[in-house]
Amino acid sequence: MPYLIETFDKPGHQHVRRETRPAHLTFLEEHGALLLACGAKLFDGGSDAGGGIYIVDVETREEAQAFIETDPFFRAGLFASVKITRWRKAWLAGRCCL
């Protein structure tokens, strides 16, 4: 059962996001087999809204927690909070999964 992970950046920590982004992108490439989707949250105008969303294909909340805790963004102290929610695939990539 996949999990949705939503992250919320600490205010005033955009420099941490910028500095850590290359390592974060490498991390995502290395864990691509677990990722159903991920990306930064944006304001309507396209600027960074200070956080991200990951949908990871893991079996347990503990695996989802371990995944996010190994993300360089997490290790650099970027996140003020992280919310993990179990998620049911109903539709994905234009296909019904039920």
PDB file of N, CA and C in Angstrom:
ATOM      1  N   MET A   1       0.860  -1.181   0.000  1.00  0.00           N
ATOM      2  CA  MET A   1       0.000   0.000   0.000  1.00  0.00           C
ATOM      3  C   MET A   1       0.896   1.231   0.000  1.00  0.00           C
ATOM      4  N   PRO A   2       0.773   2.105  -0.963  1.00  0.00           N
ATOM      5  CA  PRO A   2       1.620   3.302  -1.021  1.00  0.00           C
ATOM      6  C   PRO A   2       1.326   4.288   0.115  1.00  0.00           C
ATOM      7  N   TYR A   3       2.289   5.143   0.327  1.00  0.00           N
ATOM      8  CA  TYR A   3       2.174   6.216   1.325  1.00  0.00           C
ATOM      9  C   TYR A   3       2.467   7.553   0.673  1.00  0.00           C
ATOM     10  N   LEU A   4       1.684   8.556   1.064  1.00  0.00           N
ATOM     11  CA  LEU A   4       1.914   9.933   0.658  1.00  0.00           C
ATOM     12  C   LEU A   4       2.689  10.613   1.778  1.00  0.00           C
ATOM     13  N   ILE A   5       3.795  11.233   1.406  1.00  0.00           N
ATOM     14  CA  ILE A   5       4.609  11.971   2.368  1.00  0.00           C
ATOM     15  C   ILE A   5       4.564  13.434   1.968  1.00  0.00           C
ATOM     16  N   GLU A   6       4.089  14.281   2.861  1.00  0.00           N
ATOM     17  CA  GLU A   6       4.060  15.723   2.600  1.00  0.00           C
ATOM     18  C   GLU A   6       5.025  16.399   3.558  1.00  0.00           C
ATOM     19  N   THR A   7       5.903  17.236   2.987  1.00  0.00           N
ATOM     20  CA  THR A   7       6.885  17.938   3.803  1.00  0.00           C
ATOM     21  C   THR A   7       6.595  19.429   3.801  1.00  0.00           C
ATOM     22  N   PHE A   8       6.964  20.061   4.898  1.00  0.00           N
ATOM     23  CA  PHE A   8       6.760  21.494   5.094  1.00  0.00           C
ATOM     24  C   PHE A   8       8.095  22.087   5.531  1.00  0.00           C
ATOM     25  N   ASP A   9       8.646  22.984   4.718  1.00  0.00           N
ATOM     26  CA  ASP A   9       9.952  23.575   5.016  1.00  0.00           C
ATOM     27  C   ASP A   9       9.873  24.538   6.196  1.00  0.00           C
ATOM     28  N   LYS A  10      10.991  24.646   6.888  1.00  0.00           N
ATOM     29  CA  LYS A  10      11.127  25.658   7.930  1.00  0.00           C
ATOM     30  C   LYS A  10      11.153  27.028   7.260  1.00  0.00           C
ATOM     31  N   PRO A  11      10.493  28.020   7.828  1.00  0.00           N
ATOM     32  CA  PRO A  11      10.556  29.370   7.267  1.00  0.00           C
ATOM     33  C   PRO A  11      12.009  29.855   7.209  1.00  0.00           C
ATOM     34  N   GLY A  12      12.323  30.572   6.147  1.00  0.00           N
ATOM     35  CA  GLY A  12      13.653  31.141   6.005  1.00  0.00           C
ATOM     36  C   GLY A  12      14.744  30.133   5.695  1.00  0.00           C
ATOM     37  N   HIS A  13      14.379  28.961   5.199  1.00  0.00           N
ATOM     38  CA  HIS A  13      15.375  27.924   4.911  1.00  0.00           C
ATOM     39  C   HIS A  13      15.520  27.615   3.412  1.00  0.00           C
ATOM     40  N   GLN A  14      15.157  28.556   2.554  1.00  0.00           N
ATOM     41  CA  GLN A  14      15.316  28.335   1.122  1.00  0.00           C
ATOM     42  C   GLN A  14      16.774  28.088   0.744  1.00  0.00           C
ATOM     43  N   HIS A  15      17.699  28.698   1.467  1.00  0.00           N
ATOM     44  CA  HIS A  15      19.118  28.474   1.180  1.00  0.00           C
ATOM     45  C   HIS A  15      19.493  27.009   1.419  1.00  0.00           C
ATOM     46  N   VAL A  16      18.890  26.365   2.403  1.00  0.00           N
ATOM     47  CA  VAL A  16      19.150  24.949   2.662  1.00  0.00           C
ATOM     48  C   VAL A  16      18.635  24.114   1.499  1.00  0.00           C
ATOM     49  N   ARG A  17      17.446  24.440   1.022  1.00  0.00           N
ATOM     50  CA  ARG A  17      16.868  23.737  -0.138  1.00  0.00           C
ATOM     51  C   ARG A  17      17.785  23.884  -1.351  1.00  0.00           C
ATOM     52  N   ARG A  18      18.222  25.100  -1.634  1.00  0.00           N
ATOM     53  CA  ARG A  18      19.091  25.334  -2.795  1.00  0.00           C
ATOM     54  C   ARG A  18      20.415  24.575  -2.672  1.00  0.00           C
ATOM     55  N   GLU A  19      21.035  24.650  -1.512  1.00  0.00           N
ATOM     56  CA  GLU A  19      22.348  24.030  -1.306  1.00  0.00           C
ATOM     57  C   GLU A  19      22.282  22.505  -1.342  1.00  0.00           C
ATOM     58  N   THR A  20      21.177  21.942  -0.897  1.00  0.00           N
ATOM     59  CA  THR A  20      21.052  20.493  -0.761  1.00  0.00           C
ATOM     60  C   THR A  20      20.389  19.855  -1.978  1.00  0.00           C
ATOM     61  N   ARG A  21      19.841  20.647  -2.876  1.00  0.00           N
ATOM     62  CA  ARG A  21      19.073  20.122  -4.012  1.00  0.00           C
ATOM     63  C   ARG A  21      19.847  19.105  -4.863  1.00  0.00           C
ATOM     64  N   PRO A  22      21.117  19.342  -5.225  1.00  0.00           N
ATOM     65  CA  PRO A  22      21.815  18.323  -6.029  1.00  0.00           C
ATOM     66  C   PRO A  22      21.869  16.948  -5.345  1.00  0.00           C
ATOM     67  N   ALA A  23      22.161  16.912  -4.055  1.00  0.00           N
ATOM     68  CA  ALA A  23      22.194  15.639  -3.327  1.00  0.00           C
ATOM     69  C   ALA A  23      20.794  15.025  -3.249  1.00  0.00           C
ATOM     70  N   HIS A  24      19.781  15.866  -3.087  1.00  0.00           N
ATOM     71  CA  HIS A  24      18.388  15.403  -3.043  1.00  0.00           C
ATOM     72  C   HIS A  24      18.011  14.749  -4.372  1.00  0.00           C
ATOM     73  N   LEU A  25      18.373  15.363  -5.495  1.00  0.00           N
ATOM     74  CA  LEU A  25      18.040  14.800  -6.809  1.00  0.00           C
ATOM     75  C   LEU A  25      18.753  13.468  -7.034  1.00  0.00           C
ATOM     76  N   THR A  26      19.991  13.354  -6.576  1.00  0.00           N
ATOM     77  CA  THR A  26      20.707  12.081  -6.655  1.00  0.00           C
ATOM     78  C   THR A  26      19.996  11.021  -5.824  1.00  0.00           C
ATOM     79  N   PHE A  27      19.554  11.399  -4.628  1.00  0.00           N
ATOM     80  CA  PHE A  27      18.796  10.498  -3.759  1.00  0.00           C
ATOM     81  C   PHE A  27      17.544   9.990  -4.469  1.00  0.00           C
ATOM     82  N   LEU A  28      16.814  10.886  -5.131  1.00  0.00           N
ATOM     83  CA  LEU A  28      15.596  10.489  -5.838  1.00  0.00           C
ATOM     84  C   LEU A  28      15.915   9.516  -6.967  1.00  0.00           C
ATOM     85  N   GLU A  29      16.974   9.764  -7.713  1.00  0.00           N
ATOM     86  CA  GLU A  29      17.378   8.837  -8.781  1.00  0.00           C
ATOM     87  C   GLU A  29      17.711   7.465  -8.213  1.00  0.00           C
ATOM     88  N   GLU A  30      18.406   7.432  -7.096  1.00  0.00           N
ATOM     89  CA  GLU A  30      18.795   6.165  -6.473  1.00  0.00           C
ATOM     90  C   GLU A  30      17.600   5.384  -5.943  1.00  0.00           C
ATOM     91  N   HIS A  31      16.514   6.076  -5.618  1.00  0.00           N
ATOM     92  CA  HIS A  31      15.325   5.439  -5.052  1.00  0.00           C
ATOM     93  C   HIS A  31      14.129   5.488  -6.008  1.00  0.00           C
ATOM     94  N   GLY A  32      14.410   5.685  -7.288  1.00  0.00           N
ATOM     95  CA  GLY A  32      13.351   5.819  -8.283  1.00  0.00           C
ATOM     96  C   GLY A  32      12.376   4.657  -8.325  1.00  0.00           C
ATOM     97  N   ALA A  33      12.835   3.454  -8.006  1.00  0.00           N
ATOM     98  CA  ALA A  33      11.953   2.289  -8.044  1.00  0.00           C
ATOM     99  C   ALA A  33      10.839   2.377  -6.994  1.00  0.00           C
ATOM    100  N   LEU A  34      11.048   3.166  -5.948  1.00  0.00           N
ATOM    101  CA  LEU A  34      10.029   3.314  -4.897  1.00  0.00           C
ATOM    102  C   LEU A  34       9.064   4.463  -5.171  1.00  0.00           C
ATOM    103  N   LEU A  35       9.437   5.364  -6.076  1.00  0.00           N
ATOM    104  CA  LEU A  35       8.660   6.590  -6.283  1.00  0.00           C
ATOM    105  C   LEU A  35       7.560   6.404  -7.311  1.00  0.00           C
ATOM    106  N   LEU A  36       6.323   6.610  -6.888  1.00  0.00           N
ATOM    107  CA  LEU A  36       5.216   6.674  -7.836  1.00  0.00           C
ATOM    108  C   LEU A  36       5.097   8.092  -8.379  1.00  0.00           C
ATOM    109  N   ALA A  37       5.418   9.062  -7.523  1.00  0.00           N
ATOM    110  CA  ALA A  37       5.396  10.479  -7.913  1.00  0.00           C
ATOM    111  C   ALA A  37       6.103  11.272  -6.825  1.00  0.00           C
ATOM    112  N   CYS A  38       6.629  12.424  -7.198  1.00  0.00           N
ATOM    113  CA  CYS A  38       7.169  13.348  -6.204  1.00  0.00           C
ATOM    114  C   CYS A  38       7.405  14.694  -6.874  1.00  0.00           C
ATOM    115  N   GLY A  39       7.480  15.720  -6.055  1.00  0.00           N
ATOM    116  CA  GLY A  39       7.768  17.050  -6.566  1.00  0.00           C
ATOM    117  C   GLY A  39       7.533  18.112  -5.516  1.00  0.00           C
ATOM    118  N   ALA A  40       8.049  19.286  -5.816  1.00  0.00           N
ATOM    119  CA  ALA A  40       7.915  20.429  -4.912  1.00  0.00           C
ATOM    120  C   ALA A  40       6.512  21.014  -5.009  1.00  0.00           C
ATOM    121  N   LYS A  41       6.049  21.553  -3.886  1.00  0.00           N
ATOM    122  CA  LYS A  41       4.787  22.300  -3.880  1.00  0.00           C
ATOM    123  C   LYS A  41       5.099  23.713  -4.357  1.00  0.00           C
ATOM    124  N   LEU A  42       4.227  24.243  -5.201  1.00  0.00           N
ATOM    125  CA  LEU A  42       4.430  25.570  -5.784  1.00  0.00           C
ATOM    126  C   LEU A  42       3.214  26.455  -5.557  1.00  0.00           C
ATOM    127  N   PHE A  43       3.475  27.759  -5.479  1.00  0.00           N
ATOM    128  CA  PHE A  43       2.385  28.728  -5.504  1.00  0.00           C
ATOM    129  C   PHE A  43       1.872  28.832  -6.928  1.00  0.00           C
ATOM    130  N   ASP A  44       0.676  29.388  -7.124  1.00  0.00           N
ATOM    131  CA  ASP A  44       0.072  29.486  -8.450  1.00  0.00           C
ATOM    132  C   ASP A  44       0.983  30.178  -9.455  1.00  0.00           C
ATOM    133  N   GLY A  45       1.770  31.137  -9.016  1.00  0.00           N
ATOM    134  CA  GLY A  45       2.677  31.844  -9.909  1.00  0.00           C
ATOM    135  C   GLY A  45       3.937  31.066 -10.257  1.00  0.00           C
ATOM    136  N   GLY A  46       4.117  29.888  -9.628  1.00  0.00           N
ATOM    137  CA  GLY A  46       5.249  29.038  -9.952  1.00  0.00           C
ATOM    138  C   GLY A  46       6.407  29.109  -8.973  1.00  0.00           C
ATOM    139  N   SER A  47       6.331  30.009  -8.000  1.00  0.00           N
ATOM    140  CA  SER A  47       7.427  30.092  -7.023  1.00  0.00           C
ATOM    141  C   SER A  47       7.279  28.991  -5.972  1.00  0.00           C
ATOM    142  N   ASP A  48       8.377  28.678  -5.318  1.00  0.00           N
ATOM    143  CA  ASP A  48       8.443  27.597  -4.341  1.00  0.00           C
ATOM    144  C   ASP A  48       7.549  27.884  -3.144  1.00  0.00           C
ATOM    145  N   ALA A  49       6.696  26.919  -2.801  1.00  0.00           N
ATOM    146  CA  ALA A  49       5.769  27.076  -1.676  1.00  0.00           C
ATOM    147  C   ALA A  49       6.341  26.511  -0.374  1.00  0.00           C
ATOM    148  N   GLY A  50       7.567  26.004  -0.424  1.00  0.00           N
ATOM    149  CA  GLY A  50       8.204  25.564   0.814  1.00  0.00           C
ATOM    150  C   GLY A  50       7.841  24.177   1.284  1.00  0.00           C
ATOM    151  N   GLY A  51       8.009  23.208   0.429  1.00  0.00           N
ATOM    152  CA  GLY A  51       7.757  21.824   0.820  1.00  0.00           C
ATOM    153  C   GLY A  51       7.586  20.953  -0.400  1.00  0.00           C
ATOM    154  N   GLY A  52       7.268  19.697  -0.169  1.00  0.00           N
ATOM    155  CA  GLY A  52       7.121  18.773  -1.287  1.00  0.00           C
ATOM    156  C   GLY A  52       6.167  17.648  -0.961  1.00  0.00           C
ATOM    157  N   ILE A  53       5.907  16.853  -1.990  1.00  0.00           N
ATOM    158  CA  ILE A  53       5.049  15.681  -1.866  1.00  0.00           C
ATOM    159  C   ILE A  53       5.752  14.511  -2.530  1.00  0.00           C
ATOM    160  N   TYR A  54       5.746  13.388  -1.847  1.00  0.00           N
ATOM    161  CA  TYR A  54       6.278  12.146  -2.370  1.00  0.00           C
ATOM    162  C   TYR A  54       5.173  11.105  -2.245  1.00  0.00           C
ATOM    163  N   ILE A  55       5.011  10.266  -3.243  1.00  0.00           N
ATOM    164  CA  ILE A  55       4.160   9.090  -3.107  1.00  0.00           C
ATOM    165  C   ILE A  55       5.088   7.901  -3.329  1.00  0.00           C
ATOM    166  N   VAL A  56       5.283   7.123  -2.260  1.00  0.00           N
ATOM    167  CA  VAL A  56       6.248   6.031  -2.300  1.00  0.00           C
ATOM    168  C   VAL A  56       5.540   4.687  -2.197  1.00  0.00           C
ATOM    169  N   ASP A  57       6.029   3.731  -2.946  1.00  0.00           N
ATOM    170  CA  ASP A  57       5.455   2.390  -2.982  1.00  0.00           C
ATOM    171  C   ASP A  57       6.200   1.508  -1.995  1.00  0.00           C
ATOM    172  N   VAL A  58       5.782   1.586  -0.739  1.00  0.00           N
ATOM    173  CA  VAL A  58       6.360   0.779   0.340  1.00  0.00           C
ATOM    174  C   VAL A  58       5.219   0.110   1.093  1.00  0.00           C
ATOM    175  N   GLU A  59       5.548  -0.882   1.891  1.00  0.00           N
ATOM    176  CA  GLU A  59       4.520  -1.671   2.575  1.00  0.00           C
ATOM    177  C   GLU A  59       4.088  -1.118   3.922  1.00  0.00           C
ATOM    178  N   THR A  60       4.973  -0.373   4.597  1.00  0.00           N
ATOM    179  CA  THR A  60       4.649   0.048   5.958  1.00  0.00           C
ATOM    180  C   THR A  60       4.973   1.523   6.177  1.00  0.00           C
ATOM    181  N   ARG A  61       4.337   2.088   7.183  1.00  0.00           N
ATOM    182  CA  ARG A  61       4.624   3.464   7.600  1.00  0.00           C
ATOM    183  C   ARG A  61       6.094   3.594   8.002  1.00  0.00           C
ATOM    184  N   GLU A  62       6.634   2.567   8.646  1.00  0.00           N
ATOM    185  CA  GLU A  62       8.030   2.599   9.068  1.00  0.00           C
ATOM    186  C   GLU A  62       8.969   2.710   7.866  1.00  0.00           C
ATOM    187  N   GLU A  63       8.644   2.023   6.774  1.00  0.00           N
ATOM    188  CA  GLU A  63       9.450   2.133   5.557  1.00  0.00           C
ATOM    189  C   GLU A  63       9.343   3.535   4.968  1.00  0.00           C
ATOM    190  N   ALA A  64       8.153   4.114   4.991  1.00  0.00           N
ATOM    191  CA  ALA A  64       7.976   5.485   4.495  1.00  0.00           C
ATOM    192  C   ALA A  64       8.766   6.460   5.354  1.00  0.00           C
ATOM    193  N   GLN A  65       8.728   6.273   6.665  1.00  0.00           N
ATOM    194  CA  GLN A  65       9.479   7.126   7.585  1.00  0.00           C
ATOM    195  C   GLN A  65      10.982   6.997   7.336  1.00  0.00           C
ATOM    196  N   ALA A  66      11.449   5.768   7.167  1.00  0.00           N
ATOM    197  CA  ALA A  66      12.875   5.544   6.901  1.00  0.00           C
ATOM    198  C   ALA A  66      13.288   6.189   5.586  1.00  0.00           C
ATOM    199  N   PHE A  67      12.421   6.114   4.574  1.00  0.00           N
ATOM    200  CA  PHE A  67      12.708   6.729   3.282  1.00  0.00           C
ATOM    201  C   PHE A  67      12.933   8.227   3.445  1.00  0.00           C
ATOM    202  N   ILE A  68      11.989   8.912   4.065  1.00  0.00           N
ATOM    203  CA  ILE A  68      12.107  10.376   4.167  1.00  0.00           C
ATOM    204  C   ILE A  68      13.262  10.775   5.062  1.00  0.00           C
ATOM    205  N   GLU A  69      13.556   9.988   6.062  1.00  0.00           N
ATOM    206  CA  GLU A  69      14.655  10.332   6.968  1.00  0.00           C
ATOM    207  C   GLU A  69      16.027  10.172   6.334  1.00  0.00           C
ATOM    208  N   THR A  70      16.098   9.470   5.199  1.00  0.00           N
ATOM    209  CA  THR A  70      17.379   9.365   4.491  1.00  0.00           C
ATOM    210  C   THR A  70      17.505  10.387   3.365  1.00  0.00           C
ATOM    211  N   ASP A  71      16.450  11.142   3.100  1.00  0.00           N
ATOM    212  CA  ASP A  71      16.499  12.210   2.098  1.00  0.00           C
ATOM    213  C   ASP A  71      17.467  13.296   2.587  1.00  0.00           C
ATOM    214  N   PRO A  72      18.374  13.753   1.729  1.00  0.00           N
ATOM    215  CA  PRO A  72      19.291  14.822   2.136  1.00  0.00           C
ATOM    216  C   PRO A  72      18.589  16.079   2.644  1.00  0.00           C
ATOM    217  N   PHE A  73      17.409  16.394   2.145  1.00  0.00           N
ATOM    218  CA  PHE A  73      16.662  17.542   2.669  1.00  0.00           C
ATOM    219  C   PHE A  73      16.357  17.337   4.156  1.00  0.00           C
ATOM    220  N   PHE A  74      15.907  16.141   4.508  1.00  0.00           N
ATOM    221  CA  PHE A  74      15.599  15.837   5.911  1.00  0.00           C
ATOM    222  C   PHE A  74      16.866  15.931   6.755  1.00  0.00           C
ATOM    223  N   ARG A  75      17.930  15.313   6.278  1.00  0.00           N
ATOM    224  CA  ARG A  75      19.189  15.272   7.035  1.00  0.00           C
ATOM    225  C   ARG A  75      19.803  16.658   7.217  1.00  0.00           C
ATOM    226  N   ALA A  76      19.509  17.569   6.274  1.00  0.00           N
ATOM    227  CA  ALA A  76      20.038  18.936   6.372  1.00  0.00           C
ATOM    228  C   ALA A  76      19.185  19.814   7.280  1.00  0.00           C
ATOM    229  N   GLY A  77      18.085  19.277   7.801  1.00  0.00           N
ATOM    230  CA  GLY A  77      17.232  20.041   8.702  1.00  0.00           C
ATOM    231  C   GLY A  77      16.299  21.010   7.999  1.00  0.00           C
ATOM    232  N   LEU A  78      15.955  20.729   6.740  1.00  0.00           N
ATOM    233  CA  LEU A  78      15.089  21.629   5.975  1.00  0.00           C
ATOM    234  C   LEU A  78      13.640  21.624   6.472  1.00  0.00           C
ATOM    235  N   PHE A  79      13.158  20.483   6.902  1.00  0.00           N
ATOM    236  CA  PHE A  79      11.733  20.349   7.177  1.00  0.00           C
ATOM    237  C   PHE A  79      11.346  20.770   8.594  1.00  0.00           C
ATOM    238  N   ALA A  80      10.292  21.578   8.664  1.00  0.00           N
ATOM    239  CA  ALA A  80       9.682  21.911   9.947  1.00  0.00           C
ATOM    240  C   ALA A  80       8.816  20.750  10.411  1.00  0.00           C
ATOM    241  N   SER A  81       8.165  20.085   9.434  1.00  0.00           N
ATOM    242  CA  SER A  81       7.331  18.929   9.760  1.00  0.00           C
ATOM    243  C   SER A  81       7.163  18.038   8.537  1.00  0.00           C
ATOM    244  N   VAL A  82       6.794  16.806   8.817  1.00  0.00           N
ATOM    245  CA  VAL A  82       6.555  15.796   7.786  1.00  0.00           C
ATOM    246  C   VAL A  82       5.268  15.083   8.155  1.00  0.00           C
ATOM    247  N   LYS A  83       4.384  14.925   7.181  1.00  0.00           N
ATOM    248  CA  LYS A  83       3.129  14.210   7.401  1.00  0.00           C
ATOM    249  C   LYS A  83       3.113  12.981   6.494  1.00  0.00           C
ATOM    250  N   ILE A  84       2.867  11.810   7.070  1.00  0.00           N
ATOM    251  CA  ILE A  84       2.830  10.563   6.311  1.00  0.00           C
ATOM    252  C   ILE A  84       1.418   9.992   6.403  1.00  0.00           C
ATOM    253  N   THR A  85       0.830   9.687   5.235  1.00  0.00           N
ATOM    254  CA  THR A  85      -0.537   9.185   5.157  1.00  0.00           C
ATOM    255  C   THR A  85      -0.589   7.994   4.216  1.00  0.00           C
ATOM    256  N   ARG A  86      -1.215   6.920   4.654  1.00  0.00           N
ATOM    257  CA  ARG A  86      -1.418   5.766   3.774  1.00  0.00           C
ATOM    258  C   ARG A  86      -2.319   6.205   2.618  1.00  0.00           C
ATOM    259  N   TRP A  87      -2.043   5.682   1.418  1.00  0.00           N
ATOM    260  CA  TRP A  87      -2.732   6.148   0.218  1.00  0.00           C
ATOM    261  C   TRP A  87      -3.185   4.961  -0.620  1.00  0.00           C
ATOM    262  N   ARG A  88      -4.409   5.030  -1.135  1.00  0.00           N
ATOM    263  CA  ARG A  88      -4.926   3.994  -2.030  1.00  0.00           C
ATOM    264  C   ARG A  88      -4.834   4.489  -3.466  1.00  0.00           C
ATOM    265  N   LYS A  89      -4.197   3.686  -4.301  1.00  0.00           N
ATOM    266  CA  LYS A  89      -4.148   4.012  -5.730  1.00  0.00           C
ATOM    267  C   LYS A  89      -5.521   3.738  -6.333  1.00  0.00           C
ATOM    268  N   ALA A  90      -6.245   4.768  -6.694  1.00  0.00           N
ATOM    269  CA  ALA A  90      -7.502   4.595  -7.409  1.00  0.00           C
ATOM    270  C   ALA A  90      -7.262   4.830  -8.894  1.00  0.00           C
ATOM    271  N   TRP A  91      -6.586   5.919  -9.205  1.00  0.00           N
ATOM    272  CA  TRP A  91      -6.199   6.236 -10.584  1.00  0.00           C
ATOM    273  C   TRP A  91      -4.735   6.659 -10.575  1.00  0.00           C
ATOM    274  N   LEU A  92      -3.982   6.178 -11.516  1.00  0.00           N
ATOM    275  CA  LEU A  92      -2.583   6.536 -11.630  1.00  0.00           C
ATOM    276  C   LEU A  92      -2.190   6.483 -13.091  1.00  0.00           C
ATOM    277  N   ALA A  93      -1.567   7.559 -13.568  1.00  0.00           N
ATOM    278  CA  ALA A  93      -1.110   7.650 -14.960  1.00  0.00           C
ATOM    279  C   ALA A  93      -2.248   7.354 -15.944  1.00  0.00           C
ATOM    280  N   GLY A  94      -3.433   7.880 -15.636  1.00  0.00           N
ATOM    281  CA  GLY A  94      -4.569   7.747 -16.542  1.00  0.00           C
ATOM    282  C   GLY A  94      -5.236   6.386 -16.541  1.00  0.00           C
ATOM    283  N   ARG A  95      -4.897   5.543 -15.549  1.00  0.00           N
ATOM    284  CA  ARG A  95      -5.476   4.203 -15.496  1.00  0.00           C
ATOM    285  C   ARG A  95      -6.118   3.936 -14.150  1.00  0.00           C
ATOM    286  N   CYS A  96      -7.196   3.218 -14.174  1.00  0.00           N
ATOM    287  CA  CYS A  96      -7.861   2.796 -12.944  1.00  0.00           C
ATOM    288  C   CYS A  96      -7.060   1.652 -12.315  1.00  0.00           C
ATOM    289  N   CYS A  97      -6.804   1.747 -11.044  1.00  0.00           N
ATOM    290  CA  CYS A  97      -6.026   0.731 -10.328  1.00  0.00           C
ATOM    291  C   CYS A  97      -6.871  -0.056  -9.345  1.00  0.00           C
ATOM    292  N   LEU A  98      -8.169   0.174  -9.344  1.00  0.00           N
ATOM    293  CA  LEU A  98      -9.046  -0.524  -8.390  1.00  0.00           C
ATOM    294  C   LEU A  98      -9.401  -1.915  -8.872  1.00  0.00           C
TER     295      LEU A  98
END
